[in-house]
Amino acid sequence: MPVMNFAEPYLLALQEQAPKMFQELRRHGRLDQHLKLKSHEAQQMYNDLLKGHKNPGPAERQQAGEIVRATMIAFSPEQKLELARDFSDL
């Protein structure tokens, strides 16, 4: 399966959309771990989306990447609250 570049766009979105969480993760040395976890989740979702295609072409890979980014990078207020709860014990 193709590999998706997710860490960089996610990190930028985290800095812009959830700056408090970004600062807390960085301050407590958990940013790299969090990025690895989210990148793994994104890659799994990407692979799942492409699973139905025997030999996915550029259009299928692009569409799958856009779905993953739209799902995992756009931090809604509910996601921000959930993320804050996940890291409240830092």
Protein backbone atom coordinates (compact mmCIF):
# COMPACT_ATOMS: atom_id res chain seq x y z
CA MET A 1 0.00 0.00 0.00
CA PRO A 2 1.15 3.56 -0.63
CA VAL A 3 2.35 5.60 2.34
CA MET A 4 0.53 8.80 3.23
CA ASN A 5 2.32 11.96 4.39
CA PHE A 6 0.27 12.96 7.40
CA ALA A 7 2.54 14.12 10.24
CA GLU A 8 3.46 17.52 8.80
CA PRO A 9 -0.07 18.69 7.88
CA TYR A 10 -1.39 17.34 11.17
CA LEU A 11 1.29 19.15 13.16
CA LEU A 12 0.54 22.45 11.42
CA ALA A 13 -3.20 22.01 12.03
CA LEU A 14 -2.57 21.14 15.66
CA GLN A 15 -0.52 24.31 16.14
CA GLU A 16 -3.18 26.46 14.48
CA GLN A 17 -6.39 24.85 15.69
CA ALA A 18 -5.46 23.42 19.09
CA PRO A 19 -2.48 25.50 20.27
CA LYS A 20 -2.99 24.73 23.97
CA MET A 21 -2.88 21.01 23.32
CA PHE A 22 0.17 21.45 21.09
CA GLN A 23 1.97 23.36 23.85
CA GLU A 24 1.04 20.78 26.51
CA LEU A 25 2.23 17.88 24.38
CA ARG A 26 5.47 19.66 23.59
CA ARG A 27 6.04 20.77 27.17
CA HIS A 28 5.61 17.22 28.49
CA GLY A 29 7.67 15.56 25.76
CA ARG A 30 4.68 13.72 24.29
CA LEU A 31 4.43 15.49 20.92
CA ASP A 32 6.46 12.91 18.97
CA GLN A 33 4.50 10.05 20.51
CA HIS A 34 1.21 11.77 19.68
CA LEU A 35 2.32 12.43 16.08
CA LYS A 36 3.34 8.79 15.64
CA LEU A 37 -0.01 7.60 17.00
CA LYS A 38 -2.03 9.94 14.78
CA SER A 39 0.12 9.14 11.74
CA HIS A 40 -0.44 5.44 12.35
CA GLU A 41 -4.20 5.99 12.66
CA ALA A 42 -4.20 8.08 9.47
CA GLN A 43 -2.24 5.44 7.56
CA GLN A 44 -4.63 2.73 8.76
CA MET A 45 -7.64 4.77 7.61
CA TYR A 46 -5.93 5.47 4.28
CA ASN A 47 -5.19 1.77 3.79
CA ASP A 48 -8.78 0.85 4.68
CA LEU A 49 -10.12 3.36 2.15
CA LEU A 50 -7.90 1.91 -0.58
CA LYS A 51 -8.54 -1.71 0.37
CA GLY A 52 -11.33 -2.10 -2.18
CA HIS A 53 -9.07 -1.06 -5.07
CA LYS A 54 -6.87 -3.81 -6.47
CA ASN A 55 -4.33 -1.35 -7.86
CA PRO A 56 -5.26 2.18 -6.71
CA GLY A 57 -4.30 4.90 -9.12
CA PRO A 58 -3.42 8.52 -8.38
CA ALA A 59 -7.07 9.61 -8.31
CA GLU A 60 -8.02 6.98 -5.72
CA ARG A 61 -4.96 7.73 -3.59
CA GLN A 62 -5.66 11.47 -3.74
CA GLN A 63 -9.31 11.00 -2.78
CA ALA A 64 -8.39 8.68 0.10
CA GLY A 65 -5.79 11.20 1.33
CA GLU A 66 -8.31 14.03 1.20
CA ILE A 67 -10.84 12.00 3.20
CA VAL A 68 -8.24 11.15 5.84
CA ARG A 69 -7.07 14.74 6.15
CA ALA A 70 -10.63 16.09 6.29
CA THR A 71 -11.54 13.56 8.97
CA MET A 72 -8.44 13.74 11.15
CA ILE A 73 -7.09 17.27 10.71
CA ALA A 74 -10.14 19.52 10.96
CA PHE A 75 -10.49 19.86 14.72
CA SER A 76 -14.11 20.44 15.61
CA PRO A 77 -14.96 21.89 19.05
CA GLU A 78 -15.96 18.37 20.13
CA GLN A 79 -12.64 16.93 18.98
CA LYS A 80 -10.74 19.67 20.80
CA LEU A 81 -12.63 18.82 23.98
CA GLU A 82 -11.95 15.11 23.52
CA LEU A 83 -8.26 15.76 22.85
CA ALA A 84 -8.06 17.98 25.93
CA ARG A 85 -9.57 15.17 28.03
CA ASP A 86 -7.15 12.64 26.56
CA PHE A 87 -4.19 14.73 27.64
CA SER A 88 -5.48 16.28 30.84
CA ASP A 89 -3.32 13.90 32.88
CA LEU A 90 -0.03 15.14 31.37
